[in-house]
Amino acid sequence: MDFKKASAYIESLYEKRKLTQKQYIETTELKDFGPVIDDDVARMLQVLITLVRPRRILEIGTSVGFSTVSMAKAVKSYGGKITTIEFDAKVAKQAIKNFEREKVAGQIEVRIGDAREIIPILTEEYDLIFQDVGDKNLYAALFDDCVRLLKPAGLLVAEDTLFPVTLFPVFKWVKMREALAEFNKKVADCPLLESTLLPIGDGFTVAVKRE
């Protein structure tokens, strides 16, 4: 299959959507921030949320909030809430402005700091956890806590999980590739999860915690 041609066709079907990644970035004042999810990933998140109707969502890695807004718009109709963690205070401040602009600030709690310090002390369970932190080394490091915090039948979702085979094996990306490969193996081997890895964006992992 010609994936480039297929991708172009899919995007053409959804080009009239009210909020696209391009539009979101263009209306964001700050220009120095980590990558945000692609439109196909945003749509997939919204489909999953519409399907399972999570009341409480934890997002690890906000950037300027495109993924957060995409999820918040999906949970707004039934009162769902999102807690999102961002390491960079300047980027988090811009994300908050974006949330206010998109009229979803009431659905979102922003925590600024290192996820390695915040996640281990969380005690409340979540219906959906989305991992898209810029430091991909944290995926595997936070895995056990993510499973702990996930409710039975809850979803663990992660972006960029095909990096082990899509990133060029240059020196600066070796550790990232290895860390994501470790995470993928943890997910696939975990007896508490039923999972799959989809070729959406740069790899999209979906796992359900067994009841």
N, C-alpha and C. Protein backbone atom coordinates (compact mmCIF):
# COMPACT_ATOMS: atom_id res chain seq x y z
N MET A 1 0.84 -1.19 0.00
CA MET A 1 0.00 0.00 0.00
C MET A 1 0.87 1.25 0.00
N ASP A 2 0.47 2.25 -0.75
CA ASP A 2 1.16 3.53 -0.78
C ASP A 2 0.66 4.37 0.40
N PHE A 3 1.43 4.37 1.51
CA PHE A 3 0.97 5.04 2.72
C PHE A 3 0.87 6.55 2.54
N LYS A 4 1.76 7.13 1.75
CA LYS A 4 1.72 8.58 1.53
C LYS A 4 0.43 8.97 0.80
N LYS A 5 0.09 8.18 -0.21
CA LYS A 5 -1.14 8.44 -0.97
C LYS A 5 -2.37 8.22 -0.09
N ALA A 6 -2.33 7.16 0.71
CA ALA A 6 -3.45 6.87 1.61
C ALA A 6 -3.63 7.98 2.63
N SER A 7 -2.51 8.47 3.17
CA SER A 7 -2.56 9.54 4.17
C SER A 7 -3.15 10.81 3.58
N ALA A 8 -2.73 11.15 2.37
CA ALA A 8 -3.25 12.35 1.71
C ALA A 8 -4.76 12.24 1.48
N TYR A 9 -5.20 11.05 1.10
CA TYR A 9 -6.63 10.82 0.88
C TYR A 9 -7.42 10.97 2.17
N ILE A 10 -6.90 10.38 3.25
CA ILE A 10 -7.59 10.46 4.54
C ILE A 10 -7.70 11.90 5.00
N GLU A 11 -6.59 12.65 4.89
CA GLU A 11 -6.61 14.05 5.33
C GLU A 11 -7.59 14.87 4.51
N SER A 12 -7.74 14.53 3.22
CA SER A 12 -8.68 15.28 2.37
C SER A 12 -10.12 15.10 2.84
N LEU A 13 -10.41 13.97 3.47
CA LEU A 13 -11.76 13.72 3.97
C LEU A 13 -12.10 14.60 5.17
N TYR A 14 -11.07 15.01 5.91
CA TYR A 14 -11.30 15.74 7.15
C TYR A 14 -10.78 17.18 7.10
N GLU A 15 -10.55 17.70 5.90
CA GLU A 15 -9.94 19.02 5.77
C GLU A 15 -10.84 20.16 6.26
N LYS A 16 -12.14 19.89 6.42
CA LYS A 16 -13.07 20.93 6.87
C LYS A 16 -13.27 20.94 8.38
N ARG A 17 -12.48 20.16 9.09
CA ARG A 17 -12.59 20.15 10.55
C ARG A 17 -12.30 21.54 11.11
N LYS A 18 -12.95 21.86 12.24
CA LYS A 18 -12.84 23.21 12.79
C LYS A 18 -11.45 23.52 13.33
N LEU A 19 -10.76 22.53 13.85
CA LEU A 19 -9.44 22.78 14.43
C LEU A 19 -8.44 21.76 13.90
N THR A 20 -7.43 22.24 13.19
CA THR A 20 -6.38 21.38 12.68
C THR A 20 -5.07 21.74 13.37
N GLN A 21 -4.10 20.84 13.27
CA GLN A 21 -2.79 21.10 13.85
C GLN A 21 -2.19 22.39 13.29
N LYS A 22 -2.29 22.56 11.98
CA LYS A 22 -1.72 23.75 11.34
C LYS A 22 -2.36 25.02 11.87
N GLN A 23 -3.68 25.04 11.96
CA GLN A 23 -4.38 26.22 12.47
C GLN A 23 -3.99 26.50 13.92
N TYR A 24 -3.87 25.45 14.70
CA TYR A 24 -3.54 25.59 16.11
C TYR A 24 -2.16 26.21 16.28
N ILE A 25 -1.19 25.71 15.54
CA ILE A 25 0.18 26.23 15.63
C ILE A 25 0.24 27.67 15.15
N GLU A 26 -0.48 27.98 14.08
CA GLU A 26 -0.47 29.34 13.53
C GLU A 26 -1.04 30.36 14.51
N THR A 27 -1.97 29.95 15.35
CA THR A 27 -2.59 30.87 16.30
C THR A 27 -1.92 30.83 17.68
N THR A 28 -0.82 30.09 17.79
CA THR A 28 -0.04 30.03 19.02
C THR A 28 1.10 31.04 18.96
N GLU A 29 1.14 31.96 19.91
CA GLU A 29 2.14 33.03 19.89
C GLU A 29 3.56 32.49 20.04
N LEU A 30 3.77 31.62 21.01
CA LEU A 30 5.09 31.05 21.24
C LEU A 30 5.45 30.11 20.09
N LYS A 31 6.67 30.23 19.60
CA LYS A 31 7.09 29.40 18.47
C LYS A 31 8.15 28.36 18.84
N ASP A 32 8.69 28.46 20.04
CA ASP A 32 9.73 27.53 20.48
C ASP A 32 9.11 26.52 21.45
N PHE A 33 8.65 25.39 20.91
CA PHE A 33 8.02 24.38 21.75
C PHE A 33 8.19 23.01 21.10
N GLY A 34 7.97 21.97 21.89
CA GLY A 34 8.11 20.61 21.39
C GLY A 34 7.02 20.26 20.40
N PRO A 35 7.25 19.22 19.60
CA PRO A 35 6.26 18.81 18.59
C PRO A 35 4.91 18.47 19.21
N VAL A 36 3.85 18.70 18.43
CA VAL A 36 2.51 18.32 18.86
C VAL A 36 2.01 17.19 17.96
N ILE A 37 0.94 16.54 18.37
CA ILE A 37 0.43 15.39 17.63
C ILE A 37 -0.10 15.80 16.25
N ASP A 38 -0.11 14.85 15.34
CA ASP A 38 -0.68 15.07 14.02
C ASP A 38 -2.20 15.00 14.08
N ASP A 39 -2.84 15.46 13.01
CA ASP A 39 -4.30 15.48 12.97
C ASP A 39 -4.91 14.08 13.08
N ASP A 40 -4.25 13.09 12.46
CA ASP A 40 -4.82 11.74 12.52
C ASP A 40 -4.79 11.18 13.94
N VAL A 41 -3.76 11.54 14.70
CA VAL A 41 -3.69 11.11 16.09
C VAL A 41 -4.76 11.83 16.92
N ALA A 42 -4.95 13.12 16.65
CA ALA A 42 -5.99 13.88 17.36
C ALA A 42 -7.36 13.25 17.13
N ARG A 43 -7.63 12.87 15.89
CA ARG A 43 -8.92 12.24 15.59
C ARG A 43 -9.06 10.89 16.29
N MET A 44 -7.97 10.13 16.34
CA MET A 44 -8.01 8.83 17.00
C MET A 44 -8.29 8.99 18.49
N LEU A 45 -7.66 9.96 19.12
CA LEU A 45 -7.93 10.23 20.53
C LEU A 45 -9.40 10.57 20.75
N GLN A 46 -9.95 11.39 19.87
CA GLN A 46 -11.35 11.78 20.01
C GLN A 46 -12.29 10.60 19.80
N VAL A 47 -11.95 9.72 18.88
CA VAL A 47 -12.76 8.51 18.67
C VAL A 47 -12.74 7.63 19.92
N LEU A 48 -11.54 7.43 20.49
CA LEU A 48 -11.41 6.60 21.69
C LEU A 48 -12.20 7.20 22.86
N ILE A 49 -12.10 8.52 23.00
CA ILE A 49 -12.81 9.19 24.09
C ILE A 49 -14.32 9.08 23.90
N THR A 50 -14.78 9.26 22.69
CA THR A 50 -16.21 9.13 22.41
C THR A 50 -16.69 7.71 22.70
N LEU A 51 -15.82 6.75 22.45
CA LEU A 51 -16.17 5.33 22.66
C LEU A 51 -16.25 4.96 24.13
N VAL A 52 -15.23 5.36 24.91
CA VAL A 52 -15.16 4.90 26.31
C VAL A 52 -15.61 5.95 27.33
N ARG A 53 -15.75 7.21 26.90
CA ARG A 53 -16.22 8.31 27.76
C ARG A 53 -15.46 8.38 29.10
N PRO A 54 -14.15 8.56 29.05
CA PRO A 54 -13.37 8.65 30.29
C PRO A 54 -13.72 9.90 31.08
N ARG A 55 -13.92 9.74 32.37
CA ARG A 55 -14.21 10.87 33.25
C ARG A 55 -12.94 11.60 33.65
N ARG A 56 -11.86 10.84 33.84
CA ARG A 56 -10.60 11.44 34.28
C ARG A 56 -9.48 11.00 33.35
N ILE A 57 -8.78 11.98 32.78
CA ILE A 57 -7.69 11.72 31.84
C ILE A 57 -6.41 12.32 32.39
N LEU A 58 -5.32 11.58 32.28
CA LEU A 58 -3.99 12.08 32.63
C LEU A 58 -3.16 12.15 31.36
N GLU A 59 -2.63 13.33 31.07
CA GLU A 59 -1.76 13.50 29.91
C GLU A 59 -0.35 13.83 30.39
N ILE A 60 0.63 13.10 29.89
CA ILE A 60 2.02 13.32 30.28
C ILE A 60 2.73 13.94 29.08
N GLY A 61 2.93 15.26 29.13
CA GLY A 61 3.54 16.00 28.03
C GLY A 61 2.51 16.86 27.33
N THR A 62 2.42 18.12 27.72
CA THR A 62 1.40 19.03 27.19
C THR A 62 1.84 19.71 25.91
N SER A 63 3.11 20.13 25.86
CA SER A 63 3.59 21.06 24.84
C SER A 63 2.66 22.28 24.87
N VAL A 64 2.22 22.79 23.71
CA VAL A 64 1.33 23.95 23.73
C VAL A 64 -0.14 23.55 23.72
N GLY A 65 -0.41 22.25 23.88
CA GLY A 65 -1.76 21.82 24.20
C GLY A 65 -2.68 21.40 23.08
N PHE A 66 -2.15 21.09 21.90
CA PHE A 66 -3.05 20.66 20.82
C PHE A 66 -3.75 19.35 21.17
N SER A 67 -2.99 18.40 21.69
CA SER A 67 -3.60 17.12 22.08
C SER A 67 -4.58 17.32 23.24
N THR A 68 -4.21 18.19 24.17
CA THR A 68 -5.06 18.46 25.33
C THR A 68 -6.40 19.05 24.89
N VAL A 69 -6.33 20.03 24.00
CA VAL A 69 -7.55 20.67 23.49
C VAL A 69 -8.40 19.67 22.72
N SER A 70 -7.74 18.85 21.91
CA SER A 70 -8.48 17.84 21.13
C SER A 70 -9.25 16.91 22.05
N MET A 71 -8.62 16.49 23.15
CA MET A 71 -9.30 15.62 24.10
C MET A 71 -10.36 16.37 24.89
N ALA A 72 -10.05 17.61 25.27
CA ALA A 72 -10.98 18.40 26.07
C ALA A 72 -12.28 18.66 25.32
N LYS A 73 -12.20 18.90 24.04
CA LYS A 73 -13.40 19.11 23.24
C LYS A 73 -14.26 17.85 23.21
N ALA A 74 -13.61 16.69 23.27
CA ALA A 74 -14.34 15.43 23.25
C ALA A 74 -15.01 15.11 24.59
N VAL A 75 -14.40 15.56 25.70
CA VAL A 75 -14.97 15.25 27.02
C VAL A 75 -15.92 16.33 27.53
N LYS A 76 -15.91 17.47 26.88
CA LYS A 76 -16.67 18.63 27.39
C LYS A 76 -18.16 18.34 27.51
N SER A 77 -18.71 17.60 26.57
CA SER A 77 -20.16 17.38 26.55
C SER A 77 -20.67 16.60 27.75
N TYR A 78 -19.81 15.77 28.36
CA TYR A 78 -20.27 14.98 29.51
C TYR A 78 -19.50 15.29 30.79
N GLY A 79 -18.72 16.36 30.78
CA GLY A 79 -18.08 16.82 32.01
C GLY A 79 -16.79 16.13 32.39
N GLY A 80 -16.10 15.51 31.43
CA GLY A 80 -14.82 14.89 31.72
C GLY A 80 -13.75 15.92 32.05
N LYS A 81 -12.72 15.49 32.78
CA LYS A 81 -11.64 16.39 33.20
C LYS A 81 -10.28 15.82 32.79
N ILE A 82 -9.34 16.71 32.52
CA ILE A 82 -7.99 16.32 32.10
C ILE A 82 -6.97 16.96 33.04
N THR A 83 -6.04 16.16 33.53
CA THR A 83 -4.85 16.67 34.21
C THR A 83 -3.68 16.48 33.26
N THR A 84 -2.97 17.57 32.96
CA THR A 84 -1.86 17.49 32.02
C THR A 84 -0.58 18.01 32.66
N ILE A 85 0.53 17.35 32.39
CA ILE A 85 1.81 17.67 33.02
C ILE A 85 2.78 18.20 31.98
N GLU A 86 3.37 19.38 32.25
CA GLU A 86 4.34 19.99 31.34
C GLU A 86 5.56 20.45 32.14
N PHE A 87 6.74 20.08 31.67
CA PHE A 87 7.98 20.41 32.37
C PHE A 87 8.35 21.88 32.23
N ASP A 88 8.16 22.45 31.04
CA ASP A 88 8.61 23.81 30.71
C ASP A 88 7.52 24.82 31.09
N ALA A 89 7.81 25.69 32.06
CA ALA A 89 6.81 26.64 32.55
C ALA A 89 6.37 27.62 31.46
N LYS A 90 7.30 28.03 30.62
CA LYS A 90 6.96 28.98 29.55
C LYS A 90 6.00 28.35 28.54
N VAL A 91 6.25 27.10 28.20
CA VAL A 91 5.37 26.38 27.27
C VAL A 91 4.01 26.13 27.92
N ALA A 92 4.01 25.79 29.21
CA ALA A 92 2.76 25.56 29.93
C ALA A 92 1.91 26.83 29.97
N LYS A 93 2.56 27.97 30.14
CA LYS A 93 1.84 29.24 30.17
C LYS A 93 1.15 29.50 28.83
N GLN A 94 1.85 29.18 27.73
CA GLN A 94 1.24 29.34 26.41
C GLN A 94 0.08 28.36 26.23
N ALA A 95 0.25 27.14 26.72
CA ALA A 95 -0.83 26.15 26.62
C ALA A 95 -2.09 26.65 27.33
N ILE A 96 -1.91 27.24 28.50
CA ILE A 96 -3.06 27.76 29.26
C ILE A 96 -3.77 28.85 28.47
N LYS A 97 -3.01 29.73 27.82
CA LYS A 97 -3.61 30.75 26.96
C LYS A 97 -4.42 30.11 25.84
N ASN A 98 -3.86 29.05 25.27
CA ASN A 98 -4.57 28.35 24.19
C ASN A 98 -5.85 27.70 24.70
N PHE A 99 -5.81 27.15 25.90
CA PHE A 99 -7.01 26.53 26.47
C PHE A 99 -8.11 27.57 26.66
N GLU A 100 -7.72 28.75 27.10
CA GLU A 100 -8.69 29.83 27.29
C GLU A 100 -9.26 30.27 25.94
N ARG A 101 -8.40 30.37 24.95
CA ARG A 101 -8.84 30.77 23.60
C ARG A 101 -9.83 29.77 23.03
N GLU A 102 -9.57 28.49 23.27
CA GLU A 102 -10.43 27.43 22.72
C GLU A 102 -11.62 27.11 23.63
N LYS A 103 -11.73 27.86 24.75
CA LYS A 103 -12.86 27.73 25.67
C LYS A 103 -12.98 26.32 26.28
N VAL A 104 -11.83 25.75 26.64
CA VAL A 104 -11.83 24.45 27.31
C VAL A 104 -11.05 24.48 28.62
N ALA A 105 -10.67 25.68 29.08
CA ALA A 105 -9.85 25.79 30.29
C ALA A 105 -10.52 25.15 31.50
N GLY A 106 -11.84 25.17 31.53
CA GLY A 106 -12.57 24.59 32.66
C GLY A 106 -12.46 23.08 32.76
N GLN A 107 -12.04 22.44 31.67
CA GLN A 107 -11.90 20.98 31.67
C GLN A 107 -10.49 20.52 32.05
N ILE A 108 -9.55 21.48 32.18
CA ILE A 108 -8.13 21.11 32.24
C ILE A 108 -7.44 21.65 33.49
N GLU A 109 -6.69 20.78 34.15
CA GLU A 109 -5.79 21.17 35.24
C GLU A 109 -4.36 20.98 34.73
N VAL A 110 -3.55 22.04 34.82
CA VAL A 110 -2.17 21.98 34.35
C VAL A 110 -1.24 21.87 35.56
N ARG A 111 -0.37 20.87 35.51
CA ARG A 111 0.67 20.73 36.54
C ARG A 111 2.02 20.95 35.88
N ILE A 112 2.78 21.89 36.41
CA ILE A 112 4.08 22.23 35.84
C ILE A 112 5.17 21.57 36.68
N GLY A 113 6.03 20.80 36.02
CA GLY A 113 7.11 20.13 36.74
C GLY A 113 7.56 18.87 36.04
N ASP A 114 8.44 18.16 36.70
CA ASP A 114 9.03 16.93 36.16
C ASP A 114 8.08 15.76 36.40
N ALA A 115 7.66 15.11 35.33
CA ALA A 115 6.74 13.97 35.45
C ALA A 115 7.32 12.87 36.34
N ARG A 116 8.65 12.74 36.37
CA ARG A 116 9.29 11.72 37.20
C ARG A 116 9.06 11.98 38.69
N GLU A 117 8.77 13.23 39.05
CA GLU A 117 8.50 13.58 40.44
C GLU A 117 7.00 13.62 40.73
N ILE A 118 6.22 13.99 39.72
CA ILE A 118 4.77 14.15 39.92
C ILE A 118 4.04 12.81 39.88
N ILE A 119 4.33 11.99 38.86
CA ILE A 119 3.58 10.75 38.65
C ILE A 119 3.65 9.79 39.85
N PRO A 120 4.84 9.55 40.43
CA PRO A 120 4.91 8.57 41.53
C PRO A 120 4.08 8.92 42.76
N ILE A 121 3.78 10.22 42.96
CA ILE A 121 3.03 10.60 44.16
C ILE A 121 1.52 10.72 43.89
N LEU A 122 1.10 10.50 42.66
CA LEU A 122 -0.33 10.52 42.37
C LEU A 122 -0.98 9.25 42.93
N THR A 123 -2.19 9.39 43.43
CA THR A 123 -2.88 8.24 44.02
C THR A 123 -4.24 7.96 43.38
N GLU A 124 -4.88 8.97 42.82
CA GLU A 124 -6.19 8.76 42.20
C GLU A 124 -6.05 8.05 40.86
N GLU A 125 -7.02 7.22 40.53
CA GLU A 125 -6.97 6.46 39.28
C GLU A 125 -7.56 7.26 38.12
N TYR A 126 -7.13 6.87 36.92
CA TYR A 126 -7.58 7.55 35.70
C TYR A 126 -8.21 6.55 34.74
N ASP A 127 -9.14 7.06 33.93
CA ASP A 127 -9.80 6.23 32.93
C ASP A 127 -8.99 6.14 31.64
N LEU A 128 -8.17 7.16 31.41
CA LEU A 128 -7.31 7.19 30.22
C LEU A 128 -6.03 7.93 30.55
N ILE A 129 -4.90 7.35 30.17
CA ILE A 129 -3.60 8.00 30.34
C ILE A 129 -2.94 8.10 28.97
N PHE A 130 -2.52 9.31 28.62
CA PHE A 130 -1.90 9.55 27.32
C PHE A 130 -0.46 10.00 27.52
N GLN A 131 0.48 9.20 27.01
CA GLN A 131 1.90 9.53 27.10
C GLN A 131 2.40 10.13 25.79
N ASP A 132 2.87 11.37 25.87
CA ASP A 132 3.49 12.01 24.71
C ASP A 132 4.55 13.00 25.17
N VAL A 133 5.24 12.65 26.25
CA VAL A 133 6.26 13.53 26.79
C VAL A 133 7.44 13.64 25.83
N GLY A 134 8.05 14.83 25.76
CA GLY A 134 9.15 15.07 24.83
C GLY A 134 10.34 14.16 25.07
N ASP A 135 10.65 13.91 26.33
CA ASP A 135 11.75 13.01 26.68
C ASP A 135 11.23 11.57 26.63
N LYS A 136 11.45 10.91 25.51
CA LYS A 136 10.89 9.57 25.30
C LYS A 136 11.49 8.53 26.23
N ASN A 137 12.61 8.87 26.88
CA ASN A 137 13.19 7.96 27.86
C ASN A 137 12.25 7.73 29.04
N LEU A 138 11.31 8.67 29.24
CA LEU A 138 10.40 8.56 30.37
C LEU A 138 9.29 7.54 30.16
N TYR A 139 9.04 7.16 28.90
CA TYR A 139 7.95 6.22 28.64
C TYR A 139 8.12 4.95 29.47
N ALA A 140 9.28 4.33 29.34
CA ALA A 140 9.53 3.08 30.08
C ALA A 140 9.66 3.34 31.57
N ALA A 141 10.29 4.47 31.93
CA ALA A 141 10.52 4.78 33.34
C ALA A 141 9.20 4.98 34.10
N LEU A 142 8.19 5.50 33.42
CA LEU A 142 6.91 5.79 34.06
C LEU A 142 5.88 4.68 33.86
N PHE A 143 6.26 3.63 33.14
CA PHE A 143 5.29 2.61 32.75
C PHE A 143 4.57 1.98 33.95
N ASP A 144 5.32 1.52 34.94
CA ASP A 144 4.72 0.83 36.08
C ASP A 144 3.72 1.73 36.81
N ASP A 145 4.09 3.00 36.98
CA ASP A 145 3.18 3.93 37.65
C ASP A 145 1.93 4.18 36.81
N CYS A 146 2.09 4.24 35.50
CA CYS A 146 0.93 4.45 34.63
C CYS A 146 -0.05 3.28 34.75
N VAL A 147 0.47 2.07 34.79
CA VAL A 147 -0.39 0.90 34.96
C VAL A 147 -1.06 0.94 36.33
N ARG A 148 -0.31 1.34 37.34
CA ARG A 148 -0.86 1.45 38.70
C ARG A 148 -2.01 2.46 38.76
N LEU A 149 -1.87 3.57 38.05
CA LEU A 149 -2.86 4.64 38.11
C LEU A 149 -4.06 4.42 37.20
N LEU A 150 -3.97 3.41 36.36
CA LEU A 150 -5.03 3.16 35.39
C LEU A 150 -6.14 2.31 36.01
N LYS A 151 -7.37 2.77 35.85
CA LYS A 151 -8.51 1.99 36.33
C LYS A 151 -8.66 0.71 35.52
N PRO A 152 -9.25 -0.34 36.08
CA PRO A 152 -9.59 -1.51 35.28
C PRO A 152 -10.48 -1.09 34.10
N ALA A 153 -10.18 -1.61 32.92
CA ALA A 153 -10.84 -1.25 31.66
C ALA A 153 -10.42 0.13 31.16
N GLY A 154 -9.46 0.76 31.84
CA GLY A 154 -8.95 2.05 31.39
C GLY A 154 -7.97 1.89 30.24
N LEU A 155 -7.74 2.99 29.53
CA LEU A 155 -6.87 2.98 28.36
C LEU A 155 -5.53 3.65 28.65
N LEU A 156 -4.45 2.99 28.26
CA LEU A 156 -3.12 3.59 28.23
C LEU A 156 -2.78 3.82 26.76
N VAL A 157 -2.57 5.07 26.39
CA VAL A 157 -2.32 5.43 25.00
C VAL A 157 -0.98 6.14 24.92
N ALA A 158 -0.19 5.84 23.90
CA ALA A 158 1.13 6.46 23.76
C ALA A 158 1.41 6.79 22.30
N GLU A 159 2.07 7.92 22.09
CA GLU A 159 2.40 8.43 20.75
C GLU A 159 3.89 8.22 20.47
N ASP A 160 4.24 8.13 19.20
CA ASP A 160 5.64 8.02 18.73
C ASP A 160 6.26 6.66 19.01
N THR A 161 5.46 5.63 19.16
CA THR A 161 6.00 4.34 19.58
C THR A 161 6.59 3.51 18.44
N LEU A 162 6.56 4.03 17.23
CA LEU A 162 7.28 3.37 16.13
C LEU A 162 8.64 4.00 15.87
N PHE A 163 9.06 4.90 16.74
CA PHE A 163 10.39 5.50 16.60
C PHE A 163 11.52 4.47 16.52
N PRO A 164 11.42 3.32 17.20
CA PRO A 164 12.51 2.34 17.08
C PRO A 164 12.78 1.89 15.65
N VAL A 165 11.80 2.02 14.77
CA VAL A 165 12.02 1.60 13.37
C VAL A 165 11.88 2.75 12.38
N THR A 166 11.40 3.92 12.83
CA THR A 166 11.25 5.04 11.90
C THR A 166 12.32 6.11 12.04
N LEU A 167 12.93 6.22 13.22
CA LEU A 167 14.02 7.18 13.40
C LEU A 167 15.30 6.63 12.79
N PHE A 168 16.07 7.50 12.12
CA PHE A 168 17.36 7.06 11.61
C PHE A 168 18.27 6.70 12.79
N PRO A 169 19.05 5.62 12.67
CA PRO A 169 19.88 5.17 13.79
C PRO A 169 21.15 5.99 13.97
N VAL A 170 20.99 7.32 14.04
CA VAL A 170 22.14 8.19 14.28
C VAL A 170 22.36 8.29 15.79
N PHE A 171 23.55 8.72 16.18
CA PHE A 171 23.95 8.68 17.58
C PHE A 171 22.97 9.40 18.51
N LYS A 172 22.50 10.60 18.12
CA LYS A 172 21.67 11.39 19.03
C LYS A 172 20.30 10.74 19.29
N TRP A 173 19.90 9.81 18.43
CA TRP A 173 18.60 9.17 18.59
C TRP A 173 18.68 7.73 19.09
N VAL A 174 19.88 7.24 19.31
CA VAL A 174 20.04 5.85 19.73
C VAL A 174 19.33 5.58 21.05
N LYS A 175 19.55 6.44 22.05
CA LYS A 175 18.94 6.23 23.36
C LYS A 175 17.42 6.31 23.30
N MET A 176 16.91 7.24 22.47
CA MET A 176 15.47 7.38 22.32
C MET A 176 14.86 6.13 21.70
N ARG A 177 15.52 5.62 20.67
CA ARG A 177 15.05 4.39 20.03
C ARG A 177 15.04 3.23 21.02
N GLU A 178 16.12 3.11 21.79
CA GLU A 178 16.23 2.02 22.76
C GLU A 178 15.17 2.13 23.86
N ALA A 179 14.93 3.38 24.32
CA ALA A 179 13.96 3.59 25.39
C ALA A 179 12.55 3.24 24.93
N LEU A 180 12.22 3.62 23.70
CA LEU A 180 10.89 3.31 23.19
C LEU A 180 10.73 1.82 22.88
N ALA A 181 11.81 1.20 22.45
CA ALA A 181 11.77 -0.25 22.24
C ALA A 181 11.52 -0.97 23.56
N GLU A 182 12.14 -0.47 24.63
CA GLU A 182 11.92 -1.05 25.96
C GLU A 182 10.46 -0.86 26.39
N PHE A 183 9.93 0.34 26.16
CA PHE A 183 8.54 0.61 26.50
C PHE A 183 7.59 -0.31 25.73
N ASN A 184 7.83 -0.44 24.43
CA ASN A 184 6.97 -1.29 23.60
C ASN A 184 6.95 -2.73 24.11
N LYS A 185 8.13 -3.20 24.52
CA LYS A 185 8.21 -4.58 25.03
C LYS A 185 7.47 -4.72 26.35
N LYS A 186 7.60 -3.69 27.21
CA LYS A 186 6.89 -3.71 28.49
C LYS A 186 5.38 -3.79 28.27
N VAL A 187 4.89 -2.99 27.32
CA VAL A 187 3.46 -2.98 27.04
C VAL A 187 3.01 -4.34 26.50
N ALA A 188 3.75 -4.83 25.51
CA ALA A 188 3.38 -6.10 24.86
C ALA A 188 3.42 -7.28 25.83
N ASP A 189 4.36 -7.24 26.78
CA ASP A 189 4.55 -8.37 27.70
C ASP A 189 3.74 -8.26 28.99
N CYS A 190 3.13 -7.11 29.23
CA CYS A 190 2.45 -6.89 30.52
C CYS A 190 1.18 -7.74 30.61
N PRO A 191 1.08 -8.61 31.61
CA PRO A 191 -0.10 -9.48 31.74
C PRO A 191 -1.37 -8.72 32.12
N LEU A 192 -1.21 -7.47 32.57
CA LEU A 192 -2.37 -6.67 32.97
C LEU A 192 -3.01 -5.93 31.80
N LEU A 193 -2.33 -5.94 30.64
CA LEU A 193 -2.80 -5.14 29.51
C LEU A 193 -3.11 -5.98 28.28
N GLU A 194 -4.13 -5.56 27.56
CA GLU A 194 -4.41 -6.05 26.21
C GLU A 194 -4.07 -4.89 25.28
N SER A 195 -3.14 -5.09 24.34
CA SER A 195 -2.62 -3.93 23.61
C SER A 195 -2.38 -4.20 22.14
N THR A 196 -2.21 -3.08 21.42
CA THR A 196 -1.76 -3.15 20.03
C THR A 196 -1.02 -1.86 19.70
N LEU A 197 -0.24 -1.90 18.62
CA LEU A 197 0.52 -0.74 18.16
C LEU A 197 0.10 -0.46 16.72
N LEU A 198 -0.46 0.71 16.49
CA LEU A 198 -1.00 1.06 15.18
C LEU A 198 -0.07 2.00 14.42
N PRO A 199 0.02 1.87 13.09
CA PRO A 199 0.87 2.75 12.28
C PRO A 199 0.18 4.08 11.98
N ILE A 200 -0.21 4.79 13.03
CA ILE A 200 -0.82 6.12 12.92
C ILE A 200 0.18 7.13 13.43
N GLY A 201 0.36 8.25 12.72
CA GLY A 201 1.38 9.21 13.10
C GLY A 201 2.73 8.52 13.09
N ASP A 202 3.48 8.66 14.18
CA ASP A 202 4.77 7.97 14.31
C ASP A 202 4.65 6.74 15.20
N GLY A 203 3.47 6.15 15.18
CA GLY A 203 3.21 4.98 16.02
C GLY A 203 2.28 5.33 17.16
N PHE A 204 1.21 4.58 17.30
CA PHE A 204 0.16 4.90 18.28
C PHE A 204 -0.21 3.62 19.02
N THR A 205 0.19 3.55 20.28
CA THR A 205 -0.08 2.38 21.11
C THR A 205 -1.38 2.57 21.88
N VAL A 206 -2.22 1.54 21.85
CA VAL A 206 -3.45 1.54 22.64
C VAL A 206 -3.47 0.27 23.48
N ALA A 207 -3.60 0.43 24.79
CA ALA A 207 -3.65 -0.71 25.70
C ALA A 207 -4.82 -0.56 26.66
N VAL A 208 -5.51 -1.66 26.91
CA VAL A 208 -6.62 -1.68 27.86
C VAL A 208 -6.20 -2.49 29.08
N LYS A 209 -6.45 -1.94 30.26
CA LYS A 209 -6.14 -2.67 31.49
C LYS A 209 -7.22 -3.71 31.75
N ARG A 210 -6.79 -4.94 31.89
CA ARG A 210 -7.75 -6.03 32.11
C ARG A 210 -8.46 -5.86 33.45
N GLU A 211 -9.73 -6.23 33.48
CA GLU A 211 -10.52 -6.11 34.72
C GLU A 211 -10.29 -7.33 35.61
